[in-house]
Amino acid sequence: MDNVIYFIKSTLSNEMASSGFPLIYKGEVNHQIMRSFAFMANRKIAEKNLSTSVRKRVFHIMIECLQNVTKHSDDFDETEKHIGNGLFIVGENKDSFYVITGNLVNNDKVKQLQDRIDLLNKLTPKEIKDAFLKQMVEGELTGKGGAGLGLIDIARKSNRKLYYHFVPYDANRNYFILAITIPFEQDSNDGEDSED
């Protein structure tokens, strides 16, 4: 866990200090926390002089990331009850917003997550959109209530590569850090309908 703390301090401290708009939360991510955090972030985003489509994309990605932490964090209390602890950061750079999440994942999920993100990072915007539509039609609900759309949708809405890092936590788990950038200006050639 010391590596995670170091990552947060070294990589994010300058960015956070200069942005003037970081929202940072670490702890249990439940429905009430999601609503509160989403409300605060949405209010901050609304203060920016940005198009409605950009604000919607940032909010959509934020909610999807919060849901991912809630559903997929492999953090349990002493009675083996799922806690859903995680790290959640929203902020801005000069030309984009960023969302950073962190949560524990079991070792057996690491390779699958790496492969999935690496594949998404190789696809064109049109290929990502096609993969999203295909998954909507063919995807099966998992035991955690998802159909495997989360990362695809985040990649589709951000139109940027997803950055990730796994930090060994204990013998059975890694701390999974995911970073997403959402530009203020949408690329004209991204092939994505920003309102969908």
N, C-alpha and C. Protein backbone atom coordinates (compact mmCIF):
# COMPACT_ATOMS: atom_id res chain seq x y z
N MET A 1 0.82 -1.20 0.00
CA MET A 1 0.00 0.00 0.00
C MET A 1 0.86 1.26 0.00
N ASP A 2 2.09 1.16 0.51
CA ASP A 2 2.98 2.31 0.49
C ASP A 2 3.22 2.80 -0.93
N ASN A 3 3.29 1.86 -1.89
CA ASN A 3 3.48 2.24 -3.29
C ASN A 3 2.31 3.07 -3.80
N VAL A 4 1.11 2.73 -3.37
CA VAL A 4 -0.08 3.47 -3.78
C VAL A 4 -0.03 4.89 -3.22
N ILE A 5 0.32 5.00 -1.95
CA ILE A 5 0.43 6.33 -1.33
C ILE A 5 1.49 7.16 -2.04
N TYR A 6 2.63 6.54 -2.35
CA TYR A 6 3.68 7.26 -3.07
C TYR A 6 3.19 7.72 -4.44
N PHE A 7 2.48 6.83 -5.15
CA PHE A 7 1.95 7.18 -6.47
C PHE A 7 1.05 8.41 -6.36
N ILE A 8 0.16 8.39 -5.39
CA ILE A 8 -0.79 9.49 -5.24
C ILE A 8 -0.05 10.78 -4.91
N LYS A 9 0.89 10.71 -3.99
CA LYS A 9 1.63 11.91 -3.60
C LYS A 9 2.47 12.46 -4.74
N SER A 10 3.26 11.58 -5.37
CA SER A 10 4.22 12.05 -6.36
C SER A 10 3.58 12.42 -7.69
N THR A 11 2.66 11.59 -8.16
CA THR A 11 2.10 11.81 -9.49
C THR A 11 1.01 12.86 -9.49
N LEU A 12 0.23 12.90 -8.45
CA LEU A 12 -0.95 13.75 -8.46
C LEU A 12 -0.80 15.06 -7.71
N SER A 13 0.15 15.17 -6.82
CA SER A 13 0.18 16.34 -5.94
C SER A 13 0.32 17.65 -6.71
N ASN A 14 1.23 17.72 -7.67
CA ASN A 14 1.40 18.95 -8.44
C ASN A 14 0.16 19.26 -9.25
N GLU A 15 -0.41 18.22 -9.86
CA GLU A 15 -1.60 18.39 -10.67
C GLU A 15 -2.76 18.92 -9.83
N MET A 16 -2.93 18.32 -8.65
CA MET A 16 -4.02 18.72 -7.78
C MET A 16 -3.82 20.14 -7.24
N ALA A 17 -2.60 20.43 -6.89
CA ALA A 17 -2.33 21.75 -6.32
C ALA A 17 -2.58 22.85 -7.33
N SER A 18 -2.29 22.58 -8.59
CA SER A 18 -2.43 23.62 -9.60
C SER A 18 -3.83 23.67 -10.20
N SER A 19 -4.62 22.62 -10.04
CA SER A 19 -5.90 22.59 -10.75
C SER A 19 -6.95 23.47 -10.09
N GLY A 20 -6.94 23.58 -8.78
CA GLY A 20 -7.96 24.36 -8.10
C GLY A 20 -9.31 23.67 -8.07
N PHE A 21 -9.41 22.45 -8.58
CA PHE A 21 -10.70 21.77 -8.64
C PHE A 21 -10.56 20.27 -8.41
N PRO A 22 -9.78 19.84 -7.47
CA PRO A 22 -9.78 18.40 -7.23
C PRO A 22 -10.85 18.00 -6.22
N LEU A 23 -11.54 16.94 -6.50
CA LEU A 23 -12.42 16.31 -5.53
C LEU A 23 -11.82 14.94 -5.27
N ILE A 24 -11.54 14.66 -4.02
CA ILE A 24 -10.84 13.42 -3.67
C ILE A 24 -11.63 12.69 -2.59
N TYR A 25 -11.82 11.40 -2.80
CA TYR A 25 -12.51 10.59 -1.80
C TYR A 25 -11.83 9.23 -1.72
N LYS A 26 -11.63 8.75 -0.49
CA LYS A 26 -11.12 7.40 -0.29
C LYS A 26 -11.93 6.77 0.83
N GLY A 27 -12.51 5.61 0.54
CA GLY A 27 -13.33 4.93 1.53
C GLY A 27 -14.38 4.07 0.87
N GLU A 28 -15.41 3.74 1.61
CA GLU A 28 -16.48 2.91 1.07
C GLU A 28 -17.26 3.69 0.02
N VAL A 29 -17.46 3.07 -1.12
CA VAL A 29 -18.24 3.70 -2.18
C VAL A 29 -19.60 3.00 -2.22
N ASN A 30 -20.60 3.65 -1.63
CA ASN A 30 -21.96 3.12 -1.65
C ASN A 30 -22.86 4.10 -2.41
N HIS A 31 -24.15 3.77 -2.46
CA HIS A 31 -25.07 4.60 -3.24
C HIS A 31 -25.12 6.04 -2.74
N GLN A 32 -25.15 6.22 -1.43
CA GLN A 32 -25.23 7.57 -0.86
C GLN A 32 -23.96 8.38 -1.16
N ILE A 33 -22.80 7.74 -1.04
CA ILE A 33 -21.54 8.42 -1.36
C ILE A 33 -21.51 8.79 -2.84
N MET A 34 -21.96 7.85 -3.69
CA MET A 34 -22.00 8.13 -5.13
C MET A 34 -22.84 9.36 -5.43
N ARG A 35 -24.01 9.43 -4.82
CA ARG A 35 -24.91 10.57 -5.07
C ARG A 35 -24.27 11.88 -4.61
N SER A 36 -23.68 11.87 -3.42
CA SER A 36 -23.07 13.09 -2.88
C SER A 36 -21.90 13.54 -3.73
N PHE A 37 -21.03 12.60 -4.08
CA PHE A 37 -19.86 12.92 -4.87
C PHE A 37 -20.26 13.42 -6.25
N ALA A 38 -21.23 12.74 -6.86
CA ALA A 38 -21.70 13.13 -8.19
C ALA A 38 -22.30 14.53 -8.16
N PHE A 39 -23.04 14.85 -7.10
CA PHE A 39 -23.63 16.18 -6.97
C PHE A 39 -22.55 17.26 -6.89
N MET A 40 -21.55 17.03 -6.02
CA MET A 40 -20.47 18.02 -5.87
C MET A 40 -19.70 18.21 -7.17
N ALA A 41 -19.35 17.09 -7.81
CA ALA A 41 -18.57 17.17 -9.05
C ALA A 41 -19.38 17.83 -10.15
N ASN A 42 -20.64 17.48 -10.26
CA ASN A 42 -21.49 18.06 -11.30
C ASN A 42 -21.61 19.56 -11.12
N ARG A 43 -21.71 20.01 -9.87
CA ARG A 43 -21.79 21.45 -9.60
C ARG A 43 -20.51 22.16 -10.03
N LYS A 44 -19.36 21.55 -9.73
CA LYS A 44 -18.08 22.14 -10.13
C LYS A 44 -17.95 22.20 -11.65
N ILE A 45 -18.34 21.10 -12.30
CA ILE A 45 -18.25 21.03 -13.76
C ILE A 45 -19.17 22.05 -14.40
N ALA A 46 -20.36 22.21 -13.84
CA ALA A 46 -21.35 23.15 -14.39
C ALA A 46 -20.85 24.58 -14.35
N GLU A 47 -19.93 24.89 -13.42
CA GLU A 47 -19.38 26.24 -13.32
C GLU A 47 -18.46 26.58 -14.50
N LYS A 48 -17.98 25.55 -15.18
CA LYS A 48 -17.08 25.77 -16.30
C LYS A 48 -17.86 26.18 -17.54
N ASN A 49 -17.27 27.02 -18.35
CA ASN A 49 -17.93 27.47 -19.58
C ASN A 49 -17.66 26.46 -20.69
N LEU A 50 -18.32 25.30 -20.58
CA LEU A 50 -18.10 24.22 -21.53
C LEU A 50 -19.42 23.79 -22.14
N SER A 51 -19.33 23.13 -23.27
CA SER A 51 -20.54 22.68 -23.94
C SER A 51 -21.27 21.65 -23.08
N THR A 52 -22.57 21.55 -23.31
CA THR A 52 -23.38 20.57 -22.58
C THR A 52 -22.90 19.16 -22.84
N SER A 53 -22.48 18.88 -24.07
CA SER A 53 -22.04 17.51 -24.40
C SER A 53 -20.79 17.12 -23.62
N VAL A 54 -19.86 18.06 -23.42
CA VAL A 54 -18.66 17.77 -22.64
C VAL A 54 -19.03 17.53 -21.18
N ARG A 55 -19.89 18.38 -20.63
CA ARG A 55 -20.32 18.20 -19.23
C ARG A 55 -21.01 16.85 -19.05
N LYS A 56 -21.84 16.47 -20.01
CA LYS A 56 -22.53 15.18 -19.93
C LYS A 56 -21.54 14.01 -19.97
N ARG A 57 -20.54 14.13 -20.84
CA ARG A 57 -19.55 13.04 -20.95
C ARG A 57 -18.76 12.89 -19.66
N VAL A 58 -18.35 14.01 -19.06
CA VAL A 58 -17.59 13.95 -17.81
C VAL A 58 -18.45 13.30 -16.73
N PHE A 59 -19.69 13.74 -16.61
CA PHE A 59 -20.57 13.20 -15.58
C PHE A 59 -20.83 11.70 -15.82
N HIS A 60 -21.06 11.33 -17.04
CA HIS A 60 -21.32 9.93 -17.39
C HIS A 60 -20.12 9.04 -17.01
N ILE A 61 -18.93 9.48 -17.36
CA ILE A 61 -17.71 8.71 -17.05
C ILE A 61 -17.51 8.62 -15.55
N MET A 62 -17.76 9.72 -14.85
CA MET A 62 -17.64 9.73 -13.40
C MET A 62 -18.54 8.68 -12.75
N ILE A 63 -19.80 8.66 -13.16
CA ILE A 63 -20.76 7.71 -12.60
C ILE A 63 -20.36 6.28 -12.94
N GLU A 64 -19.93 6.05 -14.16
CA GLU A 64 -19.51 4.70 -14.56
C GLU A 64 -18.32 4.24 -13.73
N CYS A 65 -17.37 5.14 -13.49
CA CYS A 65 -16.19 4.80 -12.67
C CYS A 65 -16.59 4.49 -11.23
N LEU A 66 -17.48 5.30 -10.67
CA LEU A 66 -17.95 5.04 -9.31
C LEU A 66 -18.64 3.69 -9.21
N GLN A 67 -19.46 3.38 -10.21
CA GLN A 67 -20.15 2.09 -10.22
C GLN A 67 -19.15 0.94 -10.33
N ASN A 68 -18.12 1.12 -11.14
CA ASN A 68 -17.10 0.07 -11.27
C ASN A 68 -16.42 -0.21 -9.93
N VAL A 69 -16.09 0.86 -9.20
CA VAL A 69 -15.46 0.66 -7.89
C VAL A 69 -16.43 -0.06 -6.95
N THR A 70 -17.69 0.38 -6.95
CA THR A 70 -18.69 -0.23 -6.08
C THR A 70 -18.85 -1.72 -6.36
N LYS A 71 -18.94 -2.07 -7.64
CA LYS A 71 -19.21 -3.46 -8.02
C LYS A 71 -17.99 -4.35 -7.95
N HIS A 72 -16.82 -3.81 -8.28
CA HIS A 72 -15.68 -4.68 -8.54
C HIS A 72 -14.53 -4.60 -7.53
N SER A 73 -14.67 -3.77 -6.50
CA SER A 73 -13.62 -3.72 -5.49
C SER A 73 -13.61 -5.01 -4.68
N ASP A 74 -12.47 -5.66 -4.61
CA ASP A 74 -12.33 -6.90 -3.83
C ASP A 74 -11.82 -6.58 -2.43
N ASP A 75 -12.62 -5.80 -1.72
CA ASP A 75 -12.29 -5.38 -0.36
C ASP A 75 -13.40 -5.86 0.56
N PHE A 76 -13.02 -6.56 1.62
CA PHE A 76 -14.01 -7.17 2.51
C PHE A 76 -13.66 -6.85 3.96
N ASP A 77 -14.69 -6.83 4.82
CA ASP A 77 -14.44 -6.62 6.23
C ASP A 77 -14.12 -7.95 6.92
N GLU A 78 -14.02 -7.92 8.25
CA GLU A 78 -13.62 -9.12 9.00
C GLU A 78 -14.60 -10.26 8.85
N THR A 79 -15.87 -9.95 8.53
CA THR A 79 -16.89 -10.99 8.38
C THR A 79 -17.04 -11.41 6.91
N GLU A 80 -16.07 -10.99 6.08
CA GLU A 80 -16.08 -11.30 4.64
C GLU A 80 -17.25 -10.64 3.91
N LYS A 81 -17.76 -9.55 4.47
CA LYS A 81 -18.80 -8.79 3.78
C LYS A 81 -18.13 -7.82 2.81
N HIS A 82 -18.67 -7.75 1.59
CA HIS A 82 -18.11 -6.86 0.57
C HIS A 82 -18.27 -5.41 1.01
N ILE A 83 -17.16 -4.66 0.97
CA ILE A 83 -17.18 -3.26 1.40
C ILE A 83 -17.23 -2.31 0.20
N GLY A 84 -16.46 -2.61 -0.83
CA GLY A 84 -16.44 -1.71 -1.98
C GLY A 84 -15.63 -0.46 -1.73
N ASN A 85 -14.54 -0.58 -0.95
CA ASN A 85 -13.67 0.58 -0.72
C ASN A 85 -12.96 0.97 -2.01
N GLY A 86 -12.68 2.24 -2.12
CA GLY A 86 -11.94 2.69 -3.28
C GLY A 86 -11.46 4.11 -3.14
N LEU A 87 -10.68 4.51 -4.11
CA LEU A 87 -10.16 5.87 -4.23
C LEU A 87 -10.82 6.49 -5.45
N PHE A 88 -11.24 7.76 -5.31
CA PHE A 88 -11.89 8.42 -6.44
C PHE A 88 -11.44 9.87 -6.48
N ILE A 89 -10.93 10.30 -7.63
CA ILE A 89 -10.43 11.67 -7.79
C ILE A 89 -10.97 12.24 -9.09
N VAL A 90 -11.47 13.46 -9.03
CA VAL A 90 -11.87 14.20 -10.23
C VAL A 90 -11.17 15.54 -10.18
N GLY A 91 -10.63 15.96 -11.30
CA GLY A 91 -9.95 17.26 -11.36
C GLY A 91 -9.85 17.73 -12.79
N GLU A 92 -9.10 18.80 -12.99
CA GLU A 92 -8.95 19.32 -14.35
C GLU A 92 -7.53 19.80 -14.60
N ASN A 93 -7.13 19.68 -15.85
CA ASN A 93 -5.91 20.26 -16.35
C ASN A 93 -6.30 21.45 -17.22
N LYS A 94 -5.36 21.99 -17.96
CA LYS A 94 -5.69 23.18 -18.74
C LYS A 94 -6.66 22.90 -19.88
N ASP A 95 -6.68 21.67 -20.41
CA ASP A 95 -7.56 21.39 -21.54
C ASP A 95 -8.41 20.13 -21.38
N SER A 96 -8.48 19.61 -20.15
CA SER A 96 -9.24 18.37 -19.96
C SER A 96 -9.58 18.16 -18.48
N PHE A 97 -10.57 17.33 -18.26
CA PHE A 97 -10.85 16.80 -16.94
C PHE A 97 -10.15 15.46 -16.82
N TYR A 98 -9.94 15.01 -15.58
CA TYR A 98 -9.43 13.66 -15.38
C TYR A 98 -10.21 13.00 -14.25
N VAL A 99 -10.37 11.71 -14.38
CA VAL A 99 -10.99 10.89 -13.34
C VAL A 99 -10.00 9.78 -13.03
N ILE A 100 -9.69 9.60 -11.77
CA ILE A 100 -8.76 8.54 -11.35
C ILE A 100 -9.45 7.71 -10.28
N THR A 101 -9.44 6.41 -10.46
CA THR A 101 -10.01 5.52 -9.46
C THR A 101 -8.95 4.53 -9.01
N GLY A 102 -9.15 3.99 -7.82
CA GLY A 102 -8.27 2.95 -7.31
C GLY A 102 -9.07 2.00 -6.44
N ASN A 103 -8.87 0.71 -6.63
CA ASN A 103 -9.53 -0.28 -5.80
C ASN A 103 -8.77 -1.60 -5.85
N LEU A 104 -9.01 -2.41 -4.83
CA LEU A 104 -8.37 -3.72 -4.77
C LEU A 104 -9.04 -4.69 -5.73
N VAL A 105 -8.21 -5.49 -6.42
CA VAL A 105 -8.72 -6.56 -7.27
C VAL A 105 -7.94 -7.83 -6.98
N ASN A 106 -8.63 -8.96 -7.02
CA ASN A 106 -7.96 -10.24 -6.82
C ASN A 106 -6.96 -10.50 -7.94
N ASN A 107 -5.89 -11.20 -7.62
CA ASN A 107 -4.83 -11.47 -8.60
C ASN A 107 -5.36 -12.14 -9.86
N ASP A 108 -6.38 -13.00 -9.71
CA ASP A 108 -6.87 -13.71 -10.90
C ASP A 108 -7.62 -12.81 -11.88
N LYS A 109 -7.87 -11.56 -11.51
CA LYS A 109 -8.54 -10.62 -12.41
C LYS A 109 -7.57 -9.72 -13.17
N VAL A 110 -6.31 -9.69 -12.72
CA VAL A 110 -5.35 -8.73 -13.27
C VAL A 110 -5.12 -8.94 -14.76
N LYS A 111 -4.83 -10.15 -15.16
CA LYS A 111 -4.53 -10.42 -16.58
C LYS A 111 -5.72 -10.08 -17.47
N GLN A 112 -6.91 -10.45 -17.03
CA GLN A 112 -8.12 -10.16 -17.81
C GLN A 112 -8.32 -8.66 -17.97
N LEU A 113 -8.12 -7.90 -16.88
CA LEU A 113 -8.26 -6.45 -16.95
C LEU A 113 -7.21 -5.83 -17.87
N GLN A 114 -5.96 -6.28 -17.73
CA GLN A 114 -4.89 -5.78 -18.60
C GLN A 114 -5.22 -6.03 -20.06
N ASP A 115 -5.61 -7.26 -20.37
CA ASP A 115 -5.91 -7.61 -21.77
C ASP A 115 -7.06 -6.78 -22.31
N ARG A 116 -8.07 -6.58 -21.47
CA ARG A 116 -9.24 -5.83 -21.92
C ARG A 116 -8.91 -4.37 -22.20
N ILE A 117 -8.17 -3.75 -21.28
CA ILE A 117 -7.81 -2.34 -21.47
C ILE A 117 -6.84 -2.19 -22.64
N ASP A 118 -5.86 -3.09 -22.75
CA ASP A 118 -4.92 -3.02 -23.87
C ASP A 118 -5.64 -3.14 -25.21
N LEU A 119 -6.64 -4.02 -25.28
CA LEU A 119 -7.41 -4.17 -26.51
C LEU A 119 -8.18 -2.89 -26.81
N LEU A 120 -8.86 -2.33 -25.81
CA LEU A 120 -9.61 -1.09 -26.03
C LEU A 120 -8.70 0.03 -26.49
N ASN A 121 -7.49 0.09 -25.93
CA ASN A 121 -6.54 1.15 -26.30
C ASN A 121 -6.05 1.03 -27.74
N LYS A 122 -6.20 -0.16 -28.34
CA LYS A 122 -5.78 -0.36 -29.74
C LYS A 122 -6.90 -0.06 -30.74
N LEU A 123 -8.14 -0.02 -30.28
CA LEU A 123 -9.28 0.14 -31.19
C LEU A 123 -9.48 1.60 -31.59
N THR A 124 -10.02 1.79 -32.78
CA THR A 124 -10.42 3.12 -33.23
C THR A 124 -11.73 3.49 -32.55
N PRO A 125 -12.10 4.78 -32.55
CA PRO A 125 -13.39 5.16 -31.97
C PRO A 125 -14.57 4.40 -32.58
N LYS A 126 -14.53 4.18 -33.88
CA LYS A 126 -15.63 3.43 -34.51
C LYS A 126 -15.65 1.98 -34.04
N GLU A 127 -14.48 1.37 -33.91
CA GLU A 127 -14.41 -0.01 -33.43
C GLU A 127 -14.90 -0.12 -31.98
N ILE A 128 -14.60 0.90 -31.18
CA ILE A 128 -15.08 0.90 -29.79
C ILE A 128 -16.61 1.02 -29.77
N LYS A 129 -17.14 1.90 -30.61
CA LYS A 129 -18.59 2.05 -30.67
C LYS A 129 -19.25 0.75 -31.12
N ASP A 130 -18.67 0.09 -32.12
CA ASP A 130 -19.20 -1.20 -32.60
C ASP A 130 -19.14 -2.25 -31.49
N ALA A 131 -18.03 -2.27 -30.74
CA ALA A 131 -17.89 -3.23 -29.64
C ALA A 131 -18.94 -2.96 -28.56
N PHE A 132 -19.21 -1.69 -28.31
CA PHE A 132 -20.23 -1.32 -27.31
C PHE A 132 -21.61 -1.82 -27.74
N LEU A 133 -21.96 -1.56 -29.01
CA LEU A 133 -23.27 -2.00 -29.51
C LEU A 133 -23.39 -3.52 -29.51
N LYS A 134 -22.31 -4.20 -29.89
CA LYS A 134 -22.31 -5.67 -29.89
C LYS A 134 -22.48 -6.20 -28.47
N GLN A 135 -21.77 -5.60 -27.51
CA GLN A 135 -21.87 -6.06 -26.13
C GLN A 135 -23.25 -5.80 -25.55
N MET A 136 -23.88 -4.70 -25.97
CA MET A 136 -25.24 -4.41 -25.51
C MET A 136 -26.21 -5.50 -25.95
N VAL A 137 -26.01 -5.99 -27.16
CA VAL A 137 -26.91 -7.01 -27.72
C VAL A 137 -26.57 -8.40 -27.19
N GLU A 138 -25.27 -8.72 -27.16
CA GLU A 138 -24.84 -10.09 -26.87
C GLU A 138 -24.35 -10.31 -25.45
N GLY A 139 -24.05 -9.24 -24.71
CA GLY A 139 -23.48 -9.38 -23.38
C GLY A 139 -24.44 -10.04 -22.40
N GLU A 140 -23.89 -10.91 -21.58
CA GLU A 140 -24.69 -11.56 -20.55
C GLU A 140 -24.45 -10.87 -19.22
N LEU A 141 -25.51 -10.79 -18.42
CA LEU A 141 -25.36 -10.19 -17.10
C LEU A 141 -24.45 -11.04 -16.23
N THR A 142 -23.56 -10.37 -15.52
CA THR A 142 -22.66 -11.08 -14.61
C THR A 142 -23.30 -11.18 -13.23
N GLY A 143 -22.64 -11.89 -12.35
CA GLY A 143 -23.13 -12.01 -10.98
C GLY A 143 -23.17 -10.69 -10.26
N LYS A 144 -22.44 -9.69 -10.74
CA LYS A 144 -22.41 -8.37 -10.10
C LYS A 144 -23.33 -7.38 -10.80
N GLY A 145 -24.16 -7.89 -11.72
CA GLY A 145 -25.19 -7.05 -12.32
C GLY A 145 -24.77 -6.29 -13.55
N GLY A 146 -23.56 -6.48 -14.05
CA GLY A 146 -23.11 -5.78 -15.24
C GLY A 146 -23.12 -6.68 -16.46
N ALA A 147 -22.99 -6.06 -17.61
CA ALA A 147 -22.94 -6.82 -18.85
C ALA A 147 -21.60 -6.61 -19.54
N GLY A 148 -20.57 -6.18 -18.80
CA GLY A 148 -19.26 -5.98 -19.38
C GLY A 148 -19.12 -4.72 -20.21
N LEU A 149 -20.01 -3.75 -19.98
CA LEU A 149 -20.00 -2.53 -20.78
C LEU A 149 -19.16 -1.41 -20.19
N GLY A 150 -18.84 -1.48 -18.91
CA GLY A 150 -18.24 -0.34 -18.21
C GLY A 150 -17.01 0.24 -18.86
N LEU A 151 -15.97 -0.56 -19.03
CA LEU A 151 -14.72 -0.05 -19.61
C LEU A 151 -14.90 0.37 -21.07
N ILE A 152 -15.73 -0.38 -21.80
CA ILE A 152 -15.99 -0.01 -23.21
C ILE A 152 -16.64 1.36 -23.25
N ASP A 153 -17.62 1.58 -22.39
CA ASP A 153 -18.34 2.85 -22.39
C ASP A 153 -17.44 4.00 -21.97
N ILE A 154 -16.56 3.76 -21.01
CA ILE A 154 -15.62 4.80 -20.58
C ILE A 154 -14.69 5.17 -21.73
N ALA A 155 -14.16 4.17 -22.43
CA ALA A 155 -13.28 4.43 -23.57
C ALA A 155 -14.04 5.16 -24.68
N ARG A 156 -15.28 4.77 -24.90
CA ARG A 156 -16.11 5.37 -25.95
C ARG A 156 -16.40 6.84 -25.64
N LYS A 157 -16.75 7.12 -24.40
CA LYS A 157 -17.11 8.50 -24.04
C LYS A 157 -15.89 9.41 -23.91
N SER A 158 -14.77 8.88 -23.47
CA SER A 158 -13.59 9.74 -23.30
C SER A 158 -12.85 9.95 -24.62
N ASN A 159 -12.92 8.96 -25.51
CA ASN A 159 -12.19 9.00 -26.78
C ASN A 159 -10.69 9.19 -26.56
N ARG A 160 -10.20 8.64 -25.46
CA ARG A 160 -8.78 8.67 -25.14
C ARG A 160 -8.36 7.31 -24.61
N LYS A 161 -7.07 7.05 -24.64
CA LYS A 161 -6.56 5.81 -24.07
C LYS A 161 -6.82 5.79 -22.56
N LEU A 162 -7.03 4.60 -22.05
CA LEU A 162 -7.21 4.41 -20.61
C LEU A 162 -5.85 4.05 -20.02
N TYR A 163 -5.44 4.75 -18.99
CA TYR A 163 -4.16 4.46 -18.34
C TYR A 163 -4.43 3.67 -17.07
N TYR A 164 -3.57 2.70 -16.82
CA TYR A 164 -3.78 1.86 -15.64
C TYR A 164 -2.45 1.42 -15.06
N HIS A 165 -2.53 0.99 -13.80
CA HIS A 165 -1.35 0.47 -13.12
C HIS A 165 -1.82 -0.48 -12.03
N PHE A 166 -1.12 -1.57 -11.85
CA PHE A 166 -1.41 -2.52 -10.77
C PHE A 166 -0.27 -2.47 -9.77
N VAL A 167 -0.61 -2.21 -8.52
CA VAL A 167 0.38 -2.16 -7.45
C VAL A 167 0.14 -3.36 -6.53
N PRO A 168 1.13 -4.26 -6.36
CA PRO A 168 0.92 -5.40 -5.45
C PRO A 168 0.52 -4.91 -4.06
N TYR A 169 -0.52 -5.52 -3.51
CA TYR A 169 -1.04 -5.12 -2.20
C TYR A 169 -0.77 -6.18 -1.13
N ASP A 170 -1.20 -7.41 -1.41
CA ASP A 170 -0.89 -8.52 -0.52
C ASP A 170 -0.75 -9.77 -1.39
N ALA A 171 -0.71 -10.93 -0.79
CA ALA A 171 -0.46 -12.16 -1.54
C ALA A 171 -1.56 -12.45 -2.56
N ASN A 172 -2.77 -11.96 -2.31
CA ASN A 172 -3.91 -12.31 -3.15
C ASN A 172 -4.47 -11.19 -4.00
N ARG A 173 -4.02 -9.95 -3.74
CA ARG A 173 -4.66 -8.82 -4.41
C ARG A 173 -3.67 -7.77 -4.89
N ASN A 174 -4.11 -7.01 -5.88
CA ASN A 174 -3.38 -5.84 -6.38
C ASN A 174 -4.28 -4.62 -6.22
N TYR A 175 -3.64 -3.45 -6.12
CA TYR A 175 -4.40 -2.21 -6.12
C TYR A 175 -4.42 -1.72 -7.56
N PHE A 176 -5.62 -1.64 -8.12
CA PHE A 176 -5.83 -1.29 -9.53
C PHE A 176 -6.11 0.20 -9.64
N ILE A 177 -5.24 0.93 -10.34
CA ILE A 177 -5.42 2.36 -10.55
C ILE A 177 -5.76 2.58 -12.01
N LEU A 178 -6.86 3.29 -12.24
CA LEU A 178 -7.33 3.59 -13.60
C LEU A 178 -7.45 5.10 -13.73
N ALA A 179 -6.90 5.65 -14.82
CA ALA A 179 -6.95 7.10 -15.06
C ALA A 179 -7.56 7.37 -16.42
N ILE A 180 -8.52 8.28 -16.45
CA ILE A 180 -9.23 8.63 -17.68
C ILE A 180 -9.13 10.13 -17.89
N THR A 181 -8.86 10.54 -19.11
CA THR A 181 -8.82 11.95 -19.48
C THR A 181 -10.01 12.25 -20.39
N ILE A 182 -10.70 13.35 -20.12
CA ILE A 182 -11.83 13.78 -20.95
C ILE A 182 -11.53 15.18 -21.44
N PRO A 183 -11.22 15.35 -22.73
CA PRO A 183 -10.86 16.68 -23.24
C PRO A 183 -12.04 17.64 -23.25
N PHE A 184 -11.75 18.93 -23.07
CA PHE A 184 -12.79 19.96 -23.13
C PHE A 184 -13.39 20.04 -24.52
N GLU A 185 -12.54 19.86 -25.53
CA GLU A 185 -13.00 19.91 -26.92
C GLU A 185 -13.04 18.51 -27.47
N GLN A 186 -14.16 18.15 -28.08
CA GLN A 186 -14.28 16.83 -28.67
C GLN A 186 -13.66 16.86 -30.06
N ASP A 187 -12.88 15.80 -30.38
CA ASP A 187 -12.27 15.72 -31.70
C ASP A 187 -13.35 15.63 -32.77
N SER A 188 -13.14 16.35 -33.86
CA SER A 188 -14.14 16.34 -34.94
C SER A 188 -14.17 15.02 -35.69
N ASN A 189 -13.08 14.24 -35.60
CA ASN A 189 -13.00 12.98 -36.34
C ASN A 189 -13.15 11.76 -35.45
N ASP A 190 -13.72 11.94 -34.27
CA ASP A 190 -13.76 10.79 -33.36
C ASP A 190 -14.88 9.81 -33.68
N GLY A 191 -15.81 10.19 -34.54
CA GLY A 191 -16.84 9.25 -34.95
C GLY A 191 -17.86 8.96 -33.86
N GLU A 192 -17.85 9.72 -32.80
CA GLU A 192 -18.73 9.45 -31.66
C GLU A 192 -19.78 10.53 -31.54
N ASP A 193 -21.00 10.11 -31.43
CA ASP A 193 -22.09 11.04 -31.17
C ASP A 193 -22.07 11.38 -29.70
N SER A 194 -21.73 12.60 -29.38
CA SER A 194 -21.49 12.95 -27.98
C SER A 194 -22.76 12.92 -27.14
N GLU A 195 -23.91 12.91 -27.74
CA GLU A 195 -25.14 12.94 -26.97
C GLU A 195 -25.67 11.54 -26.65
N ASP A 196 -25.07 10.47 -27.21
CA ASP A 196 -25.62 9.14 -26.93
C ASP A 196 -25.02 8.52 -25.70
